[in-house]
Amino acid sequence: MSAERDSAVGEQVSDGGRKTAEAARTAAAAGSASAKKAAPARKAPAKKATAQKDTAQKAAAKKSAAKKSAAKKAAAKKAAAKKAVAEKAAPARKSAAKKASGKKAAPAKSSAALKKAPAPRKQVVAPKKATASVPAAPAKTVAAHPQGESRTALVRRARRINRELAEVYPYAHPELDFENPFQLVVATVLSAQTTDLRVNQTTPALFAKYPTPEDLAAANPEEVEEILRPTGFFRAKTKSVIGLSKALVEQFGGEVPGRLEDLVKLPGVGRKTAFVVLGNAFGRPGITVDTHFQRLVRRWKWTDETDPDKIEAAVGALFPKSDWTDLSHHVIWHGRRICHARKPACGACPIAPLCPAYGEGETDPEKAKKLLKYEKAGQPGQRLKPPQAYLDAGGRPAPPLGAG
């Protein structure tokens, strides 16, 4: 009985344990199923977070790529701008190098060679001693264009040119024949639109017939016109010389006044004529601004003015007043003999190193010599009765009207 109970109990225990194990397995299975069901729910937020993270990373990557692309484009534009500037600057550097050396430069082997400055040129000056013969051809080294030249530099250059011309033309003088102020004022009025040579060949007959202002004031205009015909514009000139003679008689007692304000009141007399008379008949300084003077002072960049009165003021400010009369002679003589209007004889010019217009004319020395005039070419001057200093320097007097 007891064995059977024990056996029954054992069975019961055994069965109870199996049931308990089965229940545990069932519970585990249910929990596993429950976990499986819950897993997708947990995975869904995780996947969503991962997707958002990937999107943000992609956006950041795109933004970074855009920044890099913009930086590359900016760098490319900057490089292109630098290249353009370098290409523009290259011709200027080449031009400056060619001007500085005067020759085609060989390609540089290193950057150090490019920085090496060219050797300074040797300045060539005009001959120290001048004669009436043809001057020696100067070297082709010339002054730089005076663009941006300071006032001090301009004054120094202008005065040096005048000193050089004084050595070349030590015998310079007014190229009109005259024996008194009356003859000089009449000759100067007649010199308009013609050469001094033609006036000098014409006035001997005029002054022989009408030696004083009183004589010319009472002259028959037709007779005066016939004498003055070779000078051109003879009717207008006849009216002027007869009119100024009458003014001299009526207003100044037959004497030529020695003041600028009085001279310019005479018919046919302007500032140019007045300064010729004042400087050469009365010894009072004045600048004679004729066509030669105007052309040369602009060519030498002393002034850019075109009005004679403004030219007179501008040039006069560069020199002492005591130099004005001789300066006028030097400039006018140079314009008539060497620095011609159409074809200057640059190759025979003694002041070529100081002239910013060098090269406008003939630069070959031999060809330039053929362009020289008057005593510089061994030919007669313009005066029939020149000063002795001119004759001593080798100058020759002009022939009278109708001779040769």
Protein backbone atom coordinates (compact mmCIF):
# COMPACT_ATOMS: atom_id res chain seq x y z
CA MET A 1 0.00 0.00 0.00
CA SER A 2 2.72 2.34 0.94
CA ALA A 3 4.73 1.36 -2.12
CA GLU A 4 1.88 1.96 -4.39
CA ARG A 5 1.28 5.39 -2.78
CA ASP A 6 4.82 6.29 -3.11
CA SER A 7 4.72 5.26 -6.69
CA ALA A 8 1.62 7.22 -7.23
CA VAL A 9 3.11 10.20 -5.58
CA GLY A 10 6.18 9.84 -7.68
CA GLU A 11 4.14 9.72 -10.72
CA GLN A 12 2.26 12.72 -9.60
CA VAL A 13 5.49 14.52 -8.92
CA SER A 14 6.90 13.42 -12.15
CA ASP A 15 3.89 14.50 -14.03
CA GLY A 16 3.77 17.76 -12.20
CA GLY A 17 7.37 18.46 -13.16
CA ARG A 18 6.69 17.72 -16.79
CA LYS A 19 3.72 19.97 -16.71
CA THR A 20 5.74 22.63 -15.07
CA ALA A 21 8.46 22.32 -17.73
CA GLU A 22 5.90 22.33 -20.47
CA ALA A 23 4.34 25.41 -18.99
CA ALA A 24 7.73 27.07 -18.87
CA ARG A 25 8.39 26.19 -22.48
CA THR A 26 5.03 27.48 -23.45
CA ALA A 27 5.68 30.69 -21.60
CA ALA A 28 9.07 31.01 -23.22
CA ALA A 29 7.58 30.45 -26.62
CA ALA A 30 4.96 33.04 -25.93
CA GLY A 31 7.60 35.43 -24.76
CA SER A 32 9.66 34.77 -27.85
CA ALA A 33 6.68 35.37 -30.02
CA SER A 34 5.90 38.46 -28.12
CA ALA A 35 9.52 39.63 -28.51
CA LYS A 36 9.39 38.91 -32.22
CA LYS A 37 6.29 40.99 -32.49
CA ALA A 38 7.88 43.79 -30.55
CA ALA A 39 11.15 43.67 -32.51
CA PRO A 40 9.78 45.26 -35.70
CA ALA A 41 8.36 48.03 -33.60
CA ARG A 42 11.80 48.70 -32.10
CA LYS A 43 13.52 48.33 -35.48
CA ALA A 44 11.17 50.85 -37.14
CA PRO A 45 12.28 53.87 -35.09
CA ALA A 46 15.88 52.79 -35.46
CA LYS A 47 15.57 52.53 -39.23
CA LYS A 48 13.84 55.91 -39.32
CA ALA A 49 16.65 57.52 -37.31
CA THR A 50 19.25 55.91 -39.53
CA ALA A 51 17.45 57.20 -42.64
CA GLN A 52 17.33 60.73 -41.24
CA LYS A 53 21.00 60.54 -40.39
CA ASP A 54 21.83 59.37 -43.93
CA THR A 55 19.78 62.24 -45.42
CA ALA A 56 21.54 64.79 -43.25
CA GLN A 57 24.93 63.37 -44.19
CA LYS A 58 24.02 63.49 -47.89
CA ALA A 59 22.83 67.12 -47.57
CA ALA A 60 26.04 68.05 -45.77
CA ALA A 61 28.05 66.28 -48.46
CA LYS A 62 26.18 68.17 -51.19
CA LYS A 63 26.70 71.48 -49.39
CA SER A 64 30.41 70.74 -48.96
CA ALA A 65 30.67 69.80 -52.64
CA ALA A 66 28.91 73.04 -53.61
CA LYS A 67 31.32 75.05 -51.46
CA LYS A 68 34.30 73.28 -53.00
CA SER A 69 32.92 73.90 -56.50
CA ALA A 70 32.39 77.62 -55.75
CA ALA A 71 35.90 77.87 -54.29
CA LYS A 72 37.36 76.19 -57.38
CA LYS A 73 35.43 78.55 -59.67
CA ALA A 74 36.59 81.60 -57.67
CA ALA A 75 40.20 80.35 -57.80
CA ALA A 76 39.88 79.78 -61.54
CA LYS A 77 38.50 83.31 -62.08
CA LYS A 78 41.30 84.81 -59.97
CA ALA A 79 43.93 82.86 -61.91
CA ALA A 80 42.37 83.99 -65.21
CA ALA A 81 42.37 87.63 -64.05
CA LYS A 82 46.03 87.40 -63.01
CA LYS A 83 46.90 85.86 -66.36
CA ALA A 84 45.06 88.65 -68.23
CA VAL A 85 46.87 91.32 -66.21
CA ALA A 86 50.19 89.62 -66.84
CA GLU A 87 49.46 89.42 -70.58
CA LYS A 88 48.53 93.12 -70.67
CA ALA A 89 51.60 94.12 -68.69
CA ALA A 90 53.95 92.01 -70.81
CA PRO A 91 53.91 94.30 -73.93
CA ALA A 92 54.45 97.37 -71.72
CA ARG A 93 57.44 95.71 -70.04
CA LYS A 94 58.81 94.66 -73.42
CA SER A 95 58.30 98.17 -74.83
CA ALA A 96 59.97 99.76 -71.80
CA ALA A 97 62.87 97.34 -72.09
CA LYS A 98 63.28 98.11 -75.79
CA LYS A 99 63.20 101.88 -75.17
CA ALA A 100 65.69 101.60 -72.34
CA SER A 101 68.20 99.51 -74.26
CA GLY A 102 67.59 100.72 -77.84
CA LYS A 103 68.19 97.12 -78.99
CA LYS A 104 66.22 93.87 -79.03
CA ALA A 105 66.87 92.24 -75.67
CA ALA A 106 67.86 88.56 -75.47
CA PRO A 107 65.53 86.33 -73.43
CA ALA A 108 66.39 86.38 -69.73
CA LYS A 109 67.92 83.24 -68.23
CA SER A 110 66.71 83.95 -64.71
CA SER A 111 64.54 86.33 -62.68
CA ALA A 112 67.70 88.02 -61.37
CA ALA A 113 68.63 89.04 -64.90
CA LEU A 114 65.27 90.76 -65.36
CA LYS A 115 65.86 92.93 -62.31
CA LYS A 116 69.20 94.20 -63.59
CA ALA A 117 68.89 97.88 -64.59
CA PRO A 118 70.26 99.01 -67.99
CA ALA A 119 73.43 101.07 -68.02
CA PRO A 120 72.81 104.87 -68.24
CA ARG A 121 73.38 106.53 -71.57
CA LYS A 122 76.13 109.00 -72.11
CA GLN A 123 74.87 112.56 -72.64
CA VAL A 124 76.12 114.26 -75.77
CA VAL A 125 76.54 118.03 -75.76
CA ALA A 126 76.87 120.53 -78.56
CA PRO A 127 80.32 121.58 -79.80
CA LYS A 128 82.04 124.14 -77.59
CA LYS A 129 83.28 126.30 -80.44
CA ALA A 130 80.92 127.43 -83.18
CA THR A 131 81.80 128.89 -86.57
CA ALA A 132 79.86 129.82 -89.64
CA SER A 133 80.69 126.47 -91.24
CA VAL A 134 78.45 123.42 -91.17
CA PRO A 135 78.36 121.98 -87.61
CA ALA A 136 79.55 118.48 -86.90
CA ALA A 137 76.78 115.89 -86.83
CA PRO A 138 75.71 115.12 -83.27
CA ALA A 139 75.34 111.68 -81.80
CA LYS A 140 71.91 110.13 -82.05
CA THR A 141 71.47 110.02 -78.27
CA VAL A 142 68.62 112.38 -77.51
CA ALA A 143 66.78 113.60 -74.47
CA ALA A 144 63.69 111.76 -73.31
CA HIS A 145 60.31 113.28 -74.09
CA PRO A 146 59.66 115.89 -71.39
CA GLN A 147 56.24 114.53 -70.49
CA GLY A 148 55.63 115.39 -66.86
CA GLU A 149 58.75 117.61 -66.84
CA SER A 150 58.94 119.77 -63.73
CA ARG A 151 59.04 123.55 -63.95
CA THR A 152 62.63 123.61 -62.70
CA ALA A 153 63.73 121.02 -65.26
CA LEU A 154 61.99 122.96 -68.06
CA VAL A 155 63.73 126.21 -67.11
CA ARG A 156 67.12 124.49 -67.00
CA ARG A 157 66.61 122.76 -70.35
CA ALA A 158 65.35 125.94 -72.04
CA ARG A 159 68.28 128.01 -70.80
CA ARG A 160 70.77 125.35 -71.81
CA ILE A 161 69.34 125.32 -75.34
CA ASN A 162 69.76 129.09 -75.50
CA ARG A 163 73.39 128.80 -74.33
CA GLU A 164 74.11 126.14 -76.93
CA LEU A 165 72.56 128.27 -79.69
CA ALA A 166 74.59 131.28 -78.54
CA GLU A 167 77.75 129.24 -79.23
CA VAL A 168 76.45 128.12 -82.62
CA TYR A 169 75.32 131.64 -83.66
CA PRO A 170 77.60 134.10 -81.83
CA TYR A 171 77.07 136.58 -84.66
CA ALA A 172 73.23 136.45 -84.59
CA HIS A 173 71.63 139.81 -85.38
CA PRO A 174 68.42 141.26 -86.85
CA GLU A 175 68.38 140.22 -90.50
CA LEU A 176 66.82 143.42 -91.78
CA ASP A 177 69.05 146.16 -93.15
CA PHE A 178 68.48 149.47 -91.34
CA GLU A 179 70.40 152.59 -90.33
CA ASN A 180 67.92 154.19 -87.92
CA PRO A 181 64.71 153.35 -86.01
CA PHE A 182 62.50 154.70 -88.81
CA GLN A 183 64.04 152.38 -91.41
CA LEU A 184 63.77 149.44 -89.00
CA VAL A 185 60.08 149.95 -88.23
CA VAL A 186 59.23 150.31 -91.93
CA ALA A 187 61.31 147.25 -92.89
CA THR A 188 59.70 145.17 -90.15
CA VAL A 189 56.19 146.07 -91.34
CA LEU A 190 57.20 145.11 -94.89
CA SER A 191 58.61 141.73 -93.74
CA ALA A 192 55.12 140.28 -93.15
CA GLN A 193 54.41 137.33 -95.44
CA THR A 194 57.82 137.50 -97.13
CA THR A 195 61.52 136.96 -96.39
CA ASP A 196 63.91 139.45 -94.86
CA LEU A 197 66.07 138.98 -97.95
CA ARG A 198 63.30 140.24 -100.23
CA VAL A 199 62.69 143.23 -97.93
CA ASN A 200 66.43 144.05 -97.87
CA GLN A 201 66.51 143.98 -101.66
CA THR A 202 63.49 146.33 -101.83
CA THR A 203 64.06 148.98 -99.16
CA PRO A 204 67.19 150.61 -100.67
CA ALA A 205 65.05 152.11 -103.46
CA LEU A 206 62.30 153.09 -101.01
CA PHE A 207 64.60 154.85 -98.54
CA ALA A 208 66.57 156.49 -101.30
CA LYS A 209 63.38 158.18 -102.51
CA TYR A 210 61.71 158.69 -99.09
CA PRO A 211 64.43 158.93 -96.42
CA THR A 212 62.32 160.49 -93.64
CA PRO A 213 58.82 160.03 -92.18
CA GLU A 214 57.82 163.40 -93.59
CA ASP A 215 58.83 162.31 -97.13
CA LEU A 216 56.99 158.98 -96.96
CA ALA A 217 53.91 160.59 -95.38
CA ALA A 218 53.57 162.88 -98.40
CA ALA A 219 54.36 160.19 -101.01
CA ASN A 220 52.13 159.21 -103.93
CA PRO A 221 50.66 155.80 -103.00
CA GLU A 222 50.89 154.49 -106.57
CA GLU A 223 54.62 155.19 -106.70
CA VAL A 224 55.17 153.51 -103.36
CA GLU A 225 53.13 150.49 -104.49
CA GLU A 226 55.36 150.06 -107.52
CA ILE A 227 58.48 150.00 -105.35
CA LEU A 228 56.97 147.56 -102.84
CA ARG A 229 55.46 145.20 -105.40
CA PRO A 230 58.24 142.51 -104.96
CA THR A 231 57.35 142.11 -101.26
CA GLY A 232 53.79 140.92 -101.91
CA PHE A 233 50.56 142.42 -100.52
CA PHE A 234 52.06 145.69 -101.73
CA ARG A 235 48.81 147.71 -101.61
CA ALA A 236 48.14 146.91 -97.94
CA LYS A 237 51.80 147.47 -97.08
CA THR A 238 51.82 150.81 -98.90
CA LYS A 239 48.82 151.93 -96.86
CA SER A 240 50.54 150.84 -93.61
CA VAL A 241 53.93 152.51 -94.20
CA ILE A 242 52.36 155.77 -95.39
CA GLY A 243 49.93 155.69 -92.45
CA LEU A 244 52.60 155.05 -89.82
CA SER A 245 54.74 157.81 -91.35
CA LYS A 246 51.85 160.26 -91.00
CA ALA A 247 51.28 159.12 -87.39
CA LEU A 248 54.96 159.65 -86.59
CA VAL A 249 54.83 163.17 -88.01
CA GLU A 250 51.50 164.15 -86.41
CA GLN A 251 51.83 162.44 -83.01
CA PHE A 252 55.55 162.08 -82.31
CA GLY A 253 57.22 164.93 -84.21
CA GLY A 254 58.66 162.65 -86.90
CA GLU A 255 60.51 160.47 -84.34
CA VAL A 256 59.97 156.80 -83.62
CA PRO A 257 58.84 156.43 -79.99
CA GLY A 258 60.80 154.17 -77.67
CA ARG A 259 57.84 152.84 -75.69
CA LEU A 260 55.76 149.75 -76.42
CA GLU A 261 52.43 151.45 -75.73
CA ASP A 262 53.25 154.17 -78.28
CA LEU A 263 54.63 151.91 -80.98
CA VAL A 264 51.58 149.64 -81.09
CA LYS A 265 49.40 152.68 -81.90
CA LEU A 266 51.10 153.05 -85.28
CA PRO A 267 49.29 151.54 -88.33
CA GLY A 268 50.63 148.05 -89.14
CA VAL A 269 52.65 147.81 -85.91
CA GLY A 270 51.87 145.02 -83.45
CA ARG A 271 53.75 143.63 -80.46
CA LYS A 272 56.12 141.59 -82.65
CA THR A 273 57.18 144.64 -84.71
CA ALA A 274 57.35 146.79 -81.59
CA PHE A 275 59.73 144.38 -79.83
CA VAL A 276 61.95 144.16 -82.93
CA VAL A 277 62.28 147.96 -82.85
CA LEU A 278 62.69 148.22 -79.07
CA GLY A 279 65.28 145.46 -78.86
CA ASN A 280 67.40 146.37 -81.87
CA ALA A 281 67.02 150.14 -82.21
CA PHE A 282 66.67 151.15 -78.55
CA GLY A 283 68.38 148.30 -76.69
CA ARG A 284 65.27 147.50 -74.66
CA PRO A 285 64.62 143.76 -74.13
CA GLY A 286 61.76 142.16 -76.00
CA ILE A 287 60.74 138.78 -77.42
CA THR A 288 60.01 138.62 -81.15
CA VAL A 289 57.37 135.95 -81.70
CA ASP A 290 57.45 135.36 -85.44
CA THR A 291 56.52 132.12 -87.26
CA HIS A 292 59.95 130.55 -86.68
CA PHE A 293 59.90 131.37 -82.98
CA GLN A 294 56.40 129.96 -82.52
CA ARG A 295 57.25 126.72 -84.30
CA LEU A 296 60.47 126.01 -82.41
CA VAL A 297 59.32 126.78 -78.87
CA ARG A 298 56.40 124.39 -79.35
CA ARG A 299 58.69 121.79 -80.90
CA TRP A 300 60.98 122.06 -77.88
CA LYS A 301 57.97 121.80 -75.51
CA TRP A 302 58.67 125.17 -73.90
CA THR A 303 54.96 125.90 -74.24
CA ASP A 304 51.83 124.50 -75.89
CA GLU A 305 50.28 127.92 -76.49
CA THR A 306 49.41 129.02 -80.03
CA ASP A 307 48.50 132.66 -79.45
CA PRO A 308 51.59 134.90 -79.99
CA ASP A 309 50.91 137.00 -76.89
CA LYS A 310 50.55 133.90 -74.70
CA ILE A 311 53.70 132.40 -76.21
CA GLU A 312 55.56 135.60 -75.44
CA ALA A 313 54.42 135.49 -71.82
CA ALA A 314 55.15 131.77 -71.36
CA VAL A 315 58.66 131.88 -72.86
CA GLY A 316 59.52 135.19 -71.23
CA ALA A 317 58.88 133.60 -67.83
CA LEU A 318 61.62 131.02 -68.50
CA PHE A 319 64.42 133.55 -69.03
CA PRO A 320 65.81 136.70 -67.45
CA LYS A 321 64.52 139.82 -69.18
CA SER A 322 68.06 140.73 -70.23
CA ASP A 323 68.19 137.59 -72.43
CA TRP A 324 64.99 138.23 -74.38
CA THR A 325 66.38 140.04 -77.44
CA ASP A 326 69.32 137.69 -78.04
CA LEU A 327 67.11 134.68 -77.33
CA SER A 328 64.80 135.83 -80.14
CA HIS A 329 67.74 136.05 -82.56
CA HIS A 330 69.08 132.61 -81.59
CA VAL A 331 65.74 130.86 -82.00
CA ILE A 332 64.84 132.60 -85.27
CA TRP A 333 68.27 131.95 -86.77
CA HIS A 334 68.08 128.28 -85.87
CA GLY A 335 64.62 128.01 -87.40
CA ARG A 336 65.80 129.57 -90.68
CA ARG A 337 69.00 127.56 -91.02
CA ILE A 338 68.50 124.12 -89.48
CA CYS A 339 65.13 123.49 -87.80
CA HIS A 340 62.91 124.04 -90.85
CA ALA A 341 59.13 123.75 -90.79
CA ARG A 342 58.62 120.84 -93.17
CA LYS A 343 61.86 118.91 -92.93
CA PRO A 344 64.18 119.76 -90.03
CA ALA A 345 67.84 118.82 -90.44
CA CYS A 346 67.89 116.74 -87.24
CA GLY A 347 71.10 114.94 -88.24
CA ALA A 348 72.97 118.26 -88.40
CA CYS A 349 71.39 119.88 -85.34
CA PRO A 350 73.81 120.87 -82.54
CA ILE A 351 71.07 120.73 -79.88
CA ALA A 352 69.65 117.33 -80.88
CA PRO A 353 70.44 115.81 -77.43
CA LEU A 354 68.17 118.42 -75.85
CA CYS A 355 65.32 118.28 -78.37
CA PRO A 356 62.22 116.17 -77.61
CA ALA A 357 61.23 116.38 -81.30
CA TYR A 358 64.44 114.77 -82.59
CA GLY A 359 63.58 112.42 -85.44
CA GLU A 360 60.79 114.49 -86.99
CA GLY A 361 63.21 115.42 -89.77
CA GLU A 362 66.18 113.86 -91.56
CA THR A 363 68.49 112.14 -89.06
CA ASP A 364 71.16 110.93 -91.48
CA PRO A 365 74.08 113.39 -91.10
CA GLU A 366 75.02 113.49 -94.77
CA LYS A 367 71.45 113.97 -95.96
CA ALA A 368 70.78 116.52 -93.23
CA LYS A 369 73.73 118.67 -94.39
CA LYS A 370 71.99 119.15 -97.71
CA LEU A 371 69.02 120.76 -95.95
CA LEU A 372 71.06 123.55 -94.31
CA LYS A 373 70.57 127.14 -95.46
CA TYR A 374 72.49 130.42 -95.61
CA GLU A 375 75.97 130.46 -94.09
CA LYS A 376 75.53 126.95 -92.63
CA ALA A 377 75.40 125.68 -96.20
CA GLY A 378 78.07 128.08 -97.49
CA GLN A 379 75.43 130.34 -99.04
CA PRO A 380 74.83 134.12 -98.71
CA GLY A 381 72.81 135.43 -95.78
CA GLN A 382 69.80 137.73 -95.94
CA ARG A 383 71.41 141.13 -95.37
CA LEU A 384 73.04 143.18 -98.07
CA LYS A 385 74.94 145.02 -95.35
CA PRO A 386 75.50 142.53 -92.49
CA PRO A 387 77.47 143.36 -89.32
CA GLN A 388 81.23 142.90 -89.40
CA ALA A 389 81.05 140.06 -86.85
CA TYR A 390 79.00 138.06 -89.32
CA LEU A 391 81.48 138.64 -92.11
CA ASP A 392 84.38 137.75 -89.77
CA ALA A 393 82.68 134.43 -88.97
CA GLY A 394 82.57 133.52 -92.66
CA GLY A 395 79.11 134.83 -93.55
CA ARG A 396 78.46 136.28 -96.98
CA PRO A 397 76.27 139.31 -97.79
CA ALA A 398 73.15 138.85 -99.90
CA PRO A 399 73.12 140.07 -103.52
CA PRO A 400 71.04 143.17 -104.43
CA LEU A 401 67.70 142.86 -106.19
CA GLY A 402 68.07 141.58 -109.76
CA ALA A 403 71.69 140.46 -109.35
CA GLY A 404 72.62 136.93 -110.43
